[in-house]
C-alpha atoms as a PDB file:
ATOM      1  CA  UNK A   1      -4.072 -32.915 -14.968  1.00  0.00           C
ATOM      2  CA  UNK A   2      -4.670 -30.010 -12.613  1.00  0.00           C
ATOM      3  CA  UNK A   3      -5.143 -32.062  -9.395  1.00  0.00           C
ATOM      4  CA  UNK A   4      -1.412 -31.242  -8.113  1.00  0.00           C
ATOM      5  CA  UNK A   5      -1.873 -27.822  -8.747  1.00  0.00           C
ATOM      6  CA  UNK A   6      -5.317 -27.485  -6.667  1.00  0.00           C
ATOM      7  CA  UNK A   7      -3.671 -30.060  -3.990  1.00  0.00           C
ATOM      8  CA  UNK A   8      -0.812 -27.746  -3.597  1.00  0.00           C
ATOM      9  CA  UNK A   9      -3.088 -24.538  -3.645  1.00  0.00           C
ATOM     10  CA  UNK A  10      -5.104 -26.161  -0.923  1.00  0.00           C
ATOM     11  CA  UNK A  11      -2.223 -27.137   1.233  1.00  0.00           C
ATOM     12  CA  UNK A  12      -0.392 -23.883   1.274  1.00  0.00           C
ATOM     13  CA  UNK A  13      -3.413 -21.293   0.968  1.00  0.00           C
ATOM     14  CA  UNK A  14      -6.746 -22.865   1.570  1.00  0.00           C
ATOM     15  CA  UNK A  15      -6.056 -24.880   4.680  1.00  0.00           C
ATOM     16  CA  UNK A  16      -4.039 -21.993   6.714  1.00  0.00           C
ATOM     17  CA  UNK A  17      -6.630 -19.603   5.435  1.00  0.00           C
ATOM     18  CA  UNK A  18      -9.436 -21.688   6.767  1.00  0.00           C
ATOM     19  CA  UNK A  19      -7.772 -23.016  10.246  1.00  0.00           C
ATOM     20  CA  UNK A  20      -6.592 -18.664  10.869  1.00  0.00           C
ATOM     21  CA  UNK A  21     -10.589 -17.849  10.237  1.00  0.00           C
ATOM     22  CA  UNK A  22     -11.889 -21.178  12.133  1.00  0.00           C
ATOM     23  CA  UNK A  23      -9.963 -20.054  15.130  1.00  0.00           C
ATOM     24  CA  UNK A  24     -11.909 -16.577  15.193  1.00  0.00           C
ATOM     25  CA  UNK A  25     -14.608 -18.340  16.930  1.00  0.00           C
ATOM     26  CA  UNK A  26     -12.605 -20.225  19.503  1.00  0.00           C
ATOM     27  CA  UNK A  27     -10.554 -19.076  23.070  1.00  0.00           C
ATOM     28  CA  UNK A  28      -7.000 -20.171  21.919  1.00  0.00           C
ATOM     29  CA  UNK A  29      -3.560 -19.229  23.166  1.00  0.00           C
ATOM     30  CA  UNK A  30      -0.037 -19.873  21.697  1.00  0.00           C
ATOM     31  CA  UNK A  31       0.731 -20.559  25.301  1.00  0.00           C
ATOM     32  CA  UNK A  32      -1.941 -23.417  26.389  1.00  0.00           C
ATOM     33  CA  UNK A  33      -3.146 -26.491  24.589  1.00  0.00           C
ATOM     34  CA  UNK A  34      -6.631 -26.934  23.279  1.00  0.00           C
ATOM     35  CA  UNK A  35      -9.238 -24.481  22.767  1.00  0.00           C
ATOM     36  CA  UNK A  36     -12.916 -23.401  23.682  1.00  0.00           C
ATOM     37  CA  UNK A  37     -15.514 -22.536  21.315  1.00  0.00           C
ATOM     38  CA  UNK A  38     -17.137 -19.451  22.206  1.00  0.00           C
ATOM     39  CA  UNK A  39     -18.866 -18.138  18.923  1.00  0.00           C
ATOM     40  CA  UNK A  40     -18.802 -14.452  18.090  1.00  0.00           C
ATOM     41  CA  UNK A  41     -17.387 -13.299  21.510  1.00  0.00           C
ATOM     42  CA  UNK A  42     -14.202 -12.806  19.490  1.00  0.00           C
ATOM     43  CA  UNK A  43     -15.483 -10.511  16.818  1.00  0.00           C
ATOM     44  CA  UNK A  44     -17.212  -8.714  19.322  1.00  0.00           C
ATOM     45  CA  UNK A  45     -14.516  -8.147  21.514  1.00  0.00           C
ATOM     46  CA  UNK A  46     -12.303  -7.156  18.515  1.00  0.00           C
ATOM     47  CA  UNK A  47     -15.366  -4.407  17.291  1.00  0.00           C
ATOM     48  CA  UNK A  48     -15.786  -3.039  21.265  1.00  0.00           C
ATOM     49  CA  UNK A  49     -11.860  -2.621  21.436  1.00  0.00           C
ATOM     50  CA  UNK A  50     -10.323  -0.058  19.190  1.00  0.00           C
ATOM     51  CA  UNK A  51     -11.505  -1.319  15.909  1.00  0.00           C
ATOM     52  CA  UNK A  52     -12.713   1.978  14.659  1.00  0.00           C
ATOM     53  CA  UNK A  53      -9.159   3.837  14.897  1.00  0.00           C
ATOM     54  CA  UNK A  54      -7.806   0.804  13.632  1.00  0.00           C
ATOM     55  CA  UNK A  55      -9.582   0.711  10.594  1.00  0.00           C
ATOM     56  CA  UNK A  56      -9.077   4.541  10.223  1.00  0.00           C
ATOM     57  CA  UNK A  57      -5.371   4.300  10.649  1.00  0.00           C
ATOM     58  CA  UNK A  58      -5.337   1.493   7.945  1.00  0.00           C
ATOM     59  CA  UNK A  59      -7.615   3.554   5.798  1.00  0.00           C
ATOM     60  CA  UNK A  60      -5.437   6.547   5.901  1.00  0.00           C
ATOM     61  CA  UNK A  61      -2.117   4.213   5.211  1.00  0.00           C
ATOM     62  CA  UNK A  62      -3.740   3.089   2.113  1.00  0.00           C
ATOM     63  CA  UNK A  63      -5.100   6.277   0.556  1.00  0.00           C
ATOM     64  CA  UNK A  64      -2.119   8.062   1.059  1.00  0.00           C
ATOM     65  CA  UNK A  65       0.436   5.096  -0.286  1.00  0.00           C
ATOM     66  CA  UNK A  66      -1.816   5.116  -3.385  1.00  0.00           C
ATOM     67  CA  UNK A  67      -2.690   8.667  -4.252  1.00  0.00           C
ATOM     68  CA  UNK A  68       1.024   9.869  -3.572  1.00  0.00           C
ATOM     69  CA  UNK A  69       2.740   7.661  -5.575  1.00  0.00           C
ATOM     70  CA  UNK A  70       0.069   7.596  -8.140  1.00  0.00           C
ATOM     71  CA  UNK A  71       0.850  11.512  -8.629  1.00  0.00           C
ATOM     72  CA  UNK A  72       4.326  11.117  -8.468  1.00  0.00           C
ATOM     73  CA  UNK A  73       4.830   8.088 -10.962  1.00  0.00           C
ATOM     74  CA  UNK A  74       2.046  10.091 -13.383  1.00  0.00           C
ATOM     75  CA  UNK A  75       4.088  12.897 -13.340  1.00  0.00           C
ATOM     76  CA  UNK A  76       7.280  10.947 -14.238  1.00  0.00           C
ATOM     77  CA  UNK A  77       5.539   9.089 -16.834  1.00  0.00           C
ATOM     78  CA  UNK A  78       4.598  12.275 -18.417  1.00  0.00           C
ATOM     79  CA  UNK A  79       8.038  13.300 -18.200  1.00  0.00           C
ATOM     80  CA  UNK A  80       9.576  10.156 -19.631  1.00  0.00           C
ATOM     81  CA  UNK A  81       7.310   9.985 -22.433  1.00  0.00           C
ATOM     82  CA  UNK A  82       8.603  13.205 -24.103  1.00  0.00           C
ATOM     83  CA  UNK A  83      11.377  13.121 -26.351  1.00  0.00           C
ATOM     84  CA  UNK A  84      13.960  13.767 -23.559  1.00  0.00           C
ATOM     85  CA  UNK A  85      17.604  12.912 -23.822  1.00  0.00           C
ATOM     86  CA  UNK A  86      18.705   9.831 -21.656  1.00  0.00           C
ATOM     87  CA  UNK A  87      14.746   8.727 -21.144  1.00  0.00           C
ATOM     88  CA  UNK A  88      15.507   4.862 -21.320  1.00  0.00           C
ATOM     89  CA  UNK A  89      18.208   5.347 -18.796  1.00  0.00           C
ATOM     90  CA  UNK A  90      16.163   7.318 -16.494  1.00  0.00           C
ATOM     91  CA  UNK A  91      13.253   4.583 -16.684  1.00  0.00           C
ATOM     92  CA  UNK A  92      15.809   2.037 -15.532  1.00  0.00           C
ATOM     93  CA  UNK A  93      16.994   4.192 -12.992  1.00  0.00           C
ATOM     94  CA  UNK A  94      13.801   5.396 -11.674  1.00  0.00           C
ATOM     95  CA  UNK A  95      12.647   1.544 -10.995  1.00  0.00           C
ATOM     96  CA  UNK A  96      15.519   0.658  -8.434  1.00  0.00           C
ATOM     97  CA  UNK A  97      13.343   1.617  -5.339  1.00  0.00           C
ATOM     98  CA  UNK A  98      10.795  -0.975  -6.492  1.00  0.00           C
ATOM     99  CA  UNK A  99      13.449  -3.524  -6.813  1.00  0.00           C
ATOM    100  CA  UNK A 100      14.706  -3.297  -3.582  1.00  0.00           C
ATOM    101  CA  UNK A 101      13.283  -5.524  -0.846  1.00  0.00           C
ATOM    102  CA  UNK A 102      10.819  -3.744   1.804  1.00  0.00           C
ATOM    103  CA  UNK A 103      12.918  -4.333   4.737  1.00  0.00           C
ATOM    104  CA  UNK A 104      15.967  -2.540   3.212  1.00  0.00           C
ATOM    105  CA  UNK A 105      13.900   0.442   2.299  1.00  0.00           C
ATOM    106  CA  UNK A 106      12.810   0.379   5.999  1.00  0.00           C
ATOM    107  CA  UNK A 107      16.245   0.523   7.485  1.00  0.00           C
ATOM    108  CA  UNK A 108      16.969   3.232   4.592  1.00  0.00           C
ATOM    109  CA  UNK A 109      14.134   5.308   5.594  1.00  0.00           C
ATOM    110  CA  UNK A 110      14.821   4.702   9.392  1.00  0.00           C
ATOM    111  CA  UNK A 111      18.181   5.951   8.576  1.00  0.00           C
ATOM    112  CA  UNK A 112      16.629   9.532   6.777  1.00  0.00           C
ATOM    113  CA  UNK A 113      14.236   9.931   9.428  1.00  0.00           C
ATOM    114  CA  UNK A 114      16.717   9.483  12.318  1.00  0.00           C
ATOM    115  CA  UNK A 115      16.604  12.359  15.122  1.00  0.00           C
ATOM    116  CA  UNK A 116      20.319  12.477  15.562  1.00  0.00           C
ATOM    117  CA  UNK A 117      21.996  11.907  12.322  1.00  0.00           C
ATOM    118  CA  UNK A 118      19.197  11.538  10.060  1.00  0.00           C
ATOM    119  CA  UNK A 119      19.512  13.452   6.470  1.00  0.00           C
ATOM    120  CA  UNK A 120      16.312  14.591   6.649  1.00  0.00           C
ATOM    121  CA  UNK A 121      16.975  16.726   9.848  1.00  0.00           C
ATOM    122  CA  UNK A 122      20.126  18.008   8.416  1.00  0.00           C
ATOM    123  CA  UNK A 123      18.819  19.194   5.070  1.00  0.00           C
ATOM    124  CA  UNK A 124      15.756  21.034   6.839  1.00  0.00           C
ATOM    125  CA  UNK A 125      17.873  22.933   9.562  1.00  0.00           C
ATOM    126  CA  UNK A 126      20.193  23.632   6.647  1.00  0.00           C
ATOM    127  CA  UNK A 127      17.271  25.267   5.085  1.00  0.00           C
ATOM    128  CA  UNK A 128      16.485  27.220   7.984  1.00  0.00           C
ATOM    129  CA  UNK A 129      12.962  25.200   8.238  1.00  0.00           C
ATOM    130  CA  UNK A 130      13.274  23.756  11.616  1.00  0.00           C
ATOM    131  CA  UNK A 131      15.616  24.792  14.595  1.00  0.00           C
ATOM    132  CA  UNK A 132      15.896  21.155  16.456  1.00  0.00           C
ATOM    133  CA  UNK A 133      16.507  17.586  15.223  1.00  0.00           C
ATOM    134  CA  UNK A 134      12.852  16.174  14.575  1.00  0.00           C
ATOM    135  CA  UNK A 135      12.086  12.523  15.928  1.00  0.00           C
ATOM    136  CA  UNK A 136       9.815  11.875  13.215  1.00  0.00           C
ATOM    137  CA  UNK A 137       9.278   8.248  13.812  1.00  0.00           C
ATOM    138  CA  UNK A 138       8.716   8.642  17.393  1.00  0.00           C
ATOM    139  CA  UNK A 139       5.493  11.298  17.405  1.00  0.00           C
ATOM    140  CA  UNK A 140       2.196  10.621  16.554  1.00  0.00           C
ATOM    141  CA  UNK A 141       1.612  13.292  14.545  1.00  0.00           C
ATOM    142  CA  UNK A 142       4.341  12.355  12.207  1.00  0.00           C
ATOM    143  CA  UNK A 143       4.902   8.908  12.376  1.00  0.00           C
ATOM    144  CA  UNK A 144       1.921   7.653  10.140  1.00  0.00           C
ATOM    145  CA  UNK A 145       3.295  10.477   7.432  1.00  0.00           C
ATOM    146  CA  UNK A 146       6.743   9.013   7.393  1.00  0.00           C
ATOM    147  CA  UNK A 147       5.785   5.885   6.930  1.00  0.00           C
ATOM    148  CA  UNK A 148       3.329   6.804   4.082  1.00  0.00           C
ATOM    149  CA  UNK A 149       6.320   8.543   2.511  1.00  0.00           C
ATOM    150  CA  UNK A 150       8.627   5.520   2.897  1.00  0.00           C
ATOM    151  CA  UNK A 151       5.976   3.095   1.225  1.00  0.00           C
ATOM    152  CA  UNK A 152       5.441   5.355  -1.507  1.00  0.00           C
ATOM    153  CA  UNK A 153       8.943   6.108  -2.660  1.00  0.00           C
ATOM    154  CA  UNK A 154       9.156   2.244  -2.965  1.00  0.00           C
ATOM    155  CA  UNK A 155       5.669   2.002  -5.050  1.00  0.00           C
ATOM    156  CA  UNK A 156       5.804   4.808  -7.171  1.00  0.00           C
ATOM    157  CA  UNK A 157       8.156   3.189  -9.932  1.00  0.00           C
ATOM    158  CA  UNK A 158       5.663   0.372 -10.523  1.00  0.00           C
ATOM    159  CA  UNK A 159       2.945   2.974 -11.130  1.00  0.00           C
ATOM    160  CA  UNK A 160       5.090   4.761 -13.347  1.00  0.00           C
ATOM    161  CA  UNK A 161       6.141   1.999 -15.564  1.00  0.00           C
ATOM    162  CA  UNK A 162       2.410   1.022 -15.982  1.00  0.00           C
ATOM    163  CA  UNK A 163       1.358   4.652 -16.514  1.00  0.00           C
ATOM    164  CA  UNK A 164       3.958   5.112 -19.013  1.00  0.00           C
ATOM    165  CA  UNK A 165       3.383   1.979 -20.775  1.00  0.00           C
ATOM    166  CA  UNK A 166      -0.336   3.021 -21.652  1.00  0.00           C
ATOM    167  CA  UNK A 167       0.988   6.989 -22.554  1.00  0.00           C
ATOM    168  CA  UNK A 168       2.642   5.152 -25.437  1.00  0.00           C
ATOM    169  CA  UNK A 169      -0.414   3.659 -26.790  1.00  0.00           C
ATOM    170  CA  UNK A 170      -1.876   7.438 -27.052  1.00  0.00           C
ATOM    171  CA  UNK A 171      -1.750   8.150 -30.836  1.00  0.00           C
ATOM    172  CA  UNK A 172       0.180  11.047 -31.632  1.00  0.00           C
ATOM    173  CA  UNK A 173      -1.701  11.974 -34.599  1.00  0.00           C
ATOM    174  CA  UNK A 174      -4.464  13.347 -31.833  1.00  0.00           C
ATOM    175  CA  UNK A 175      -2.246  15.731 -29.809  1.00  0.00           C
ATOM    176  CA  UNK A 176      -1.013  16.868 -33.195  1.00  0.00           C
ATOM    177  CA  UNK A 177      -4.615  17.526 -34.610  1.00  0.00           C
ATOM    178  CA  UNK A 178      -5.767  19.216 -31.163  1.00  0.00           C
ATOM    179  CA  UNK A 179      -2.515  21.723 -30.938  1.00  0.00           C
ATOM    180  CA  UNK A 180      -3.266  22.543 -34.743  1.00  0.00           C
ATOM    181  CA  UNK A 181      -6.966  23.314 -33.393  1.00  0.00           C
ATOM    182  CA  UNK A 182      -5.473  25.607 -30.827  1.00  0.00           C
ATOM    183  CA  UNK A 183      -5.912  23.339 -27.929  1.00  0.00           C
ATOM    184  CA  UNK A 184      -3.398  23.495 -25.017  1.00  0.00           C
ATOM    185  CA  UNK A 185      -1.598  21.301 -23.073  1.00  0.00           C
ATOM    186  CA  UNK A 186      -4.145  21.159 -20.217  1.00  0.00           C
ATOM    187  CA  UNK A 187      -6.913  20.744 -22.870  1.00  0.00           C
ATOM    188  CA  UNK A 188      -5.087  18.121 -24.392  1.00  0.00           C
ATOM    189  CA  UNK A 189      -4.238  16.198 -21.140  1.00  0.00           C
ATOM    190  CA  UNK A 190      -8.093  16.336 -19.988  1.00  0.00           C
ATOM    191  CA  UNK A 191      -9.457  15.543 -23.338  1.00  0.00           C
ATOM    192  CA  UNK A 192      -7.110  12.872 -25.021  1.00  0.00           C
ATOM    193  CA  UNK A 193      -4.794  11.652 -22.595  1.00  0.00           C
ATOM    194  CA  UNK A 194      -6.988  10.852 -19.511  1.00  0.00           C
ATOM    195  CA  UNK A 195     -10.020   9.049 -21.686  1.00  0.00           C
ATOM    196  CA  UNK A 196      -7.178   7.008 -22.972  1.00  0.00           C
ATOM    197  CA  UNK A 197      -5.597   5.972 -19.376  1.00  0.00           C
ATOM    198  CA  UNK A 198      -8.937   5.536 -17.875  1.00  0.00           C
ATOM    199  CA  UNK A 199      -8.916   1.902 -17.661  1.00  0.00           C
ATOM    200  CA  UNK A 200      -5.041   1.791 -16.666  1.00  0.00           C
ATOM    201  CA  UNK A 201      -5.616   4.438 -14.301  1.00  0.00           C
ATOM    202  CA  UNK A 202      -8.690   2.715 -12.604  1.00  0.00           C
ATOM    203  CA  UNK A 203      -6.403  -0.911 -12.702  1.00  0.00           C
ATOM    204  CA  UNK A 204      -3.505   0.917 -11.324  1.00  0.00           C
ATOM    205  CA  UNK A 205      -5.468   2.475  -8.410  1.00  0.00           C
ATOM    206  CA  UNK A 206      -7.757  -0.680  -7.298  1.00  0.00           C
ATOM    207  CA  UNK A 207      -4.353  -2.997  -7.294  1.00  0.00           C
ATOM    208  CA  UNK A 208      -2.372  -0.400  -5.583  1.00  0.00           C
ATOM    209  CA  UNK A 209      -5.331  -0.060  -2.976  1.00  0.00           C
ATOM    210  CA  UNK A 210      -5.702  -3.805  -2.110  1.00  0.00           C
ATOM    211  CA  UNK A 211      -1.689  -4.293  -1.892  1.00  0.00           C
ATOM    212  CA  UNK A 212      -1.714  -1.135   0.563  1.00  0.00           C
ATOM    213  CA  UNK A 213      -4.722  -2.360   2.776  1.00  0.00           C
ATOM    214  CA  UNK A 214      -2.791  -5.651   3.591  1.00  0.00           C
ATOM    215  CA  UNK A 215       0.896  -3.921   3.638  1.00  0.00           C
ATOM    216  CA  UNK A 216       3.234  -5.362   6.577  1.00  0.00           C
ATOM    217  CA  UNK A 217       6.985  -5.246   6.302  1.00  0.00           C
ATOM    218  CA  UNK A 218       7.649  -1.278   5.968  1.00  0.00           C
ATOM    219  CA  UNK A 219       4.780  -0.401   8.934  1.00  0.00           C
ATOM    220  CA  UNK A 220       6.543  -3.052  11.051  1.00  0.00           C
ATOM    221  CA  UNK A 221      10.004  -2.460  10.643  1.00  0.00           C
ATOM    222  CA  UNK A 222       9.882   1.345  10.844  1.00  0.00           C
ATOM    223  CA  UNK A 223       7.200   1.874  13.444  1.00  0.00           C
ATOM    224  CA  UNK A 224       6.048  -1.893  14.972  1.00  0.00           C
ATOM    225  CA  UNK A 225       2.825   0.130  14.577  1.00  0.00           C
ATOM    226  CA  UNK A 226       3.821   2.522  17.062  1.00  0.00           C
ATOM    227  CA  UNK A 227       4.213   5.560  18.817  1.00  0.00           C
ATOM    228  CA  UNK A 228       1.075   4.424  20.750  1.00  0.00           C
ATOM    229  CA  UNK A 229      -0.575   2.721  18.028  1.00  0.00           C
ATOM    230  CA  UNK A 230      -0.388   5.466  15.855  1.00  0.00           C
ATOM    231  CA  UNK A 231       0.435   3.681  12.812  1.00  0.00           C
ATOM    232  CA  UNK A 232      -1.303   0.467  13.566  1.00  0.00           C
ATOM    233  CA  UNK A 233      -2.809  -1.155  10.680  1.00  0.00           C
ATOM    234  CA  UNK A 234      -4.890  -4.533  10.367  1.00  0.00           C
ATOM    235  CA  UNK A 235      -1.795  -6.016   9.446  1.00  0.00           C
ATOM    236  CA  UNK A 236       0.212  -5.286  12.114  1.00  0.00           C
ATOM    237  CA  UNK A 237      -2.566  -5.855  14.770  1.00  0.00           C
ATOM    238  CA  UNK A 238      -3.067  -9.393  13.707  1.00  0.00           C
ATOM    239  CA  UNK A 239       0.516 -10.237  14.454  1.00  0.00           C
ATOM    240  CA  UNK A 240       1.188  -8.204  17.702  1.00  0.00           C
ATOM    241  CA  UNK A 241      -2.550  -9.944  18.468  1.00  0.00           C
ATOM    242  CA  UNK A 242      -1.152 -13.373  17.710  1.00  0.00           C
ATOM    243  CA  UNK A 243       2.460 -13.529  18.104  1.00  0.00           C
ATOM    244  CA  UNK A 244       2.931 -10.928  21.081  1.00  0.00           C
ATOM    245  CA  UNK A 245      -0.108 -11.122  23.306  1.00  0.00           C
ATOM    246  CA  UNK A 246      -0.244 -14.869  21.838  1.00  0.00           C
ATOM    247  CA  UNK A 247      -4.484 -14.296  21.538  1.00  0.00           C
ATOM    248  CA  UNK A 248      -4.986 -16.677  18.525  1.00  0.00           C
ATOM    249  CA  UNK A 249      -8.934 -15.942  18.947  1.00  0.00           C
ATOM    250  CA  UNK A 250      -8.990 -12.488  18.598  1.00  0.00           C
ATOM    251  CA  UNK A 251      -6.020 -12.376  16.131  1.00  0.00           C
ATOM    252  CA  UNK A 252      -8.369 -14.868  13.684  1.00  0.00           C
ATOM    253  CA  UNK A 253     -11.313 -12.580  14.693  1.00  0.00           C
ATOM    254  CA  UNK A 254      -9.481  -9.344  13.065  1.00  0.00           C
ATOM    255  CA  UNK A 255      -8.345 -11.318  10.516  1.00  0.00           C
ATOM    256  CA  UNK A 256     -12.006 -12.234   9.625  1.00  0.00           C
ATOM    257  CA  UNK A 257     -13.119  -8.542   9.688  1.00  0.00           C
ATOM    258  CA  UNK A 258     -10.062  -7.764   7.714  1.00  0.00           C
ATOM    259  CA  UNK A 259     -10.586 -10.250   4.841  1.00  0.00           C
ATOM    260  CA  UNK A 260     -14.234  -9.004   4.377  1.00  0.00           C
ATOM    261  CA  UNK A 261     -13.386  -5.701   3.963  1.00  0.00           C
ATOM    262  CA  UNK A 262     -10.689  -6.776   1.544  1.00  0.00           C
ATOM    263  CA  UNK A 263     -13.485  -9.096  -0.301  1.00  0.00           C
ATOM    264  CA  UNK A 264     -15.329  -5.649  -0.870  1.00  0.00           C
ATOM    265  CA  UNK A 265     -11.993  -4.224  -2.801  1.00  0.00           C
ATOM    266  CA  UNK A 266     -11.657  -7.408  -4.802  1.00  0.00           C
ATOM    267  CA  UNK A 267     -15.217  -7.550  -5.694  1.00  0.00           C
ATOM    268  CA  UNK A 268     -14.945  -4.077  -6.960  1.00  0.00           C
ATOM    269  CA  UNK A 269     -11.497  -4.752  -8.770  1.00  0.00           C
ATOM    270  CA  UNK A 270     -13.225  -7.816 -10.587  1.00  0.00           C
ATOM    271  CA  UNK A 271     -16.153  -5.943 -11.695  1.00  0.00           C
ATOM    272  CA  UNK A 272     -13.920  -2.867 -13.065  1.00  0.00           C
ATOM    273  CA  UNK A 273     -11.694  -5.960 -14.744  1.00  0.00           C
ATOM    274  CA  UNK A 274     -14.969  -7.368 -16.330  1.00  0.00           C
ATOM    275  CA  UNK A 275     -16.475  -4.142 -17.546  1.00  0.00           C
ATOM    276  CA  UNK A 276     -12.722  -3.156 -19.360  1.00  0.00           C
ATOM    277  CA  UNK A 277     -12.808  -6.855 -21.247  1.00  0.00           C
ATOM    278  CA  UNK A 278     -16.640  -5.821 -22.519  1.00  0.00           C
END
């Protein structure tokens, strides 16, 4: 009974994955037929090129797009967990960025960051923070920060919903008892809220790290990995190597190293979920 599902999985997931990884050991191009076995030459070439810079930029993007939306989502979850008027409506409104496709999000923030008519420049100039319009996406010093902000705007609602669901499982009696004993807001948050949400916080952060480590669309649409490769990550580098440089061998080598790093994150996630179940 499981054979049809396994066959479909093998056809659309396993076979393409294996074929891509096998290409790492061949000299192969999209421009010419045939291929030549070269062993680990492609892997060595990738490691000796700009691998450390690529890894660093991928980690910067991953950490930034995990911590920033987590802080925003947690703050909003705490606010929406109170008895404020219109909380249900606000929850629905806050989900909009998460529902918008990544390409649409990219064009929206491309307009916000635009050097000539962008909203961000207009606001900052109106407040007197900057004197001249800034090309946020065209400068290596600001491009990565701009991409992180755009991706964080899209992903914070998911974190907010997960954390809000966890907050609603914390017994109010514990907070009331602690308040009667003289515990302040910060003490109750540290001693009651955080311990109850420890499992959800770990799960949300690990999943977001795994997803962001392989994110592609917003980076590629906003900057294409530029300027001067300052926003290049593993996802965009594999695409550029395969479909711009037409070098399937080096793209496969990059994909192989990328997958090995992802496997470490997946193992951590599995161990964490198993510990939670126990």
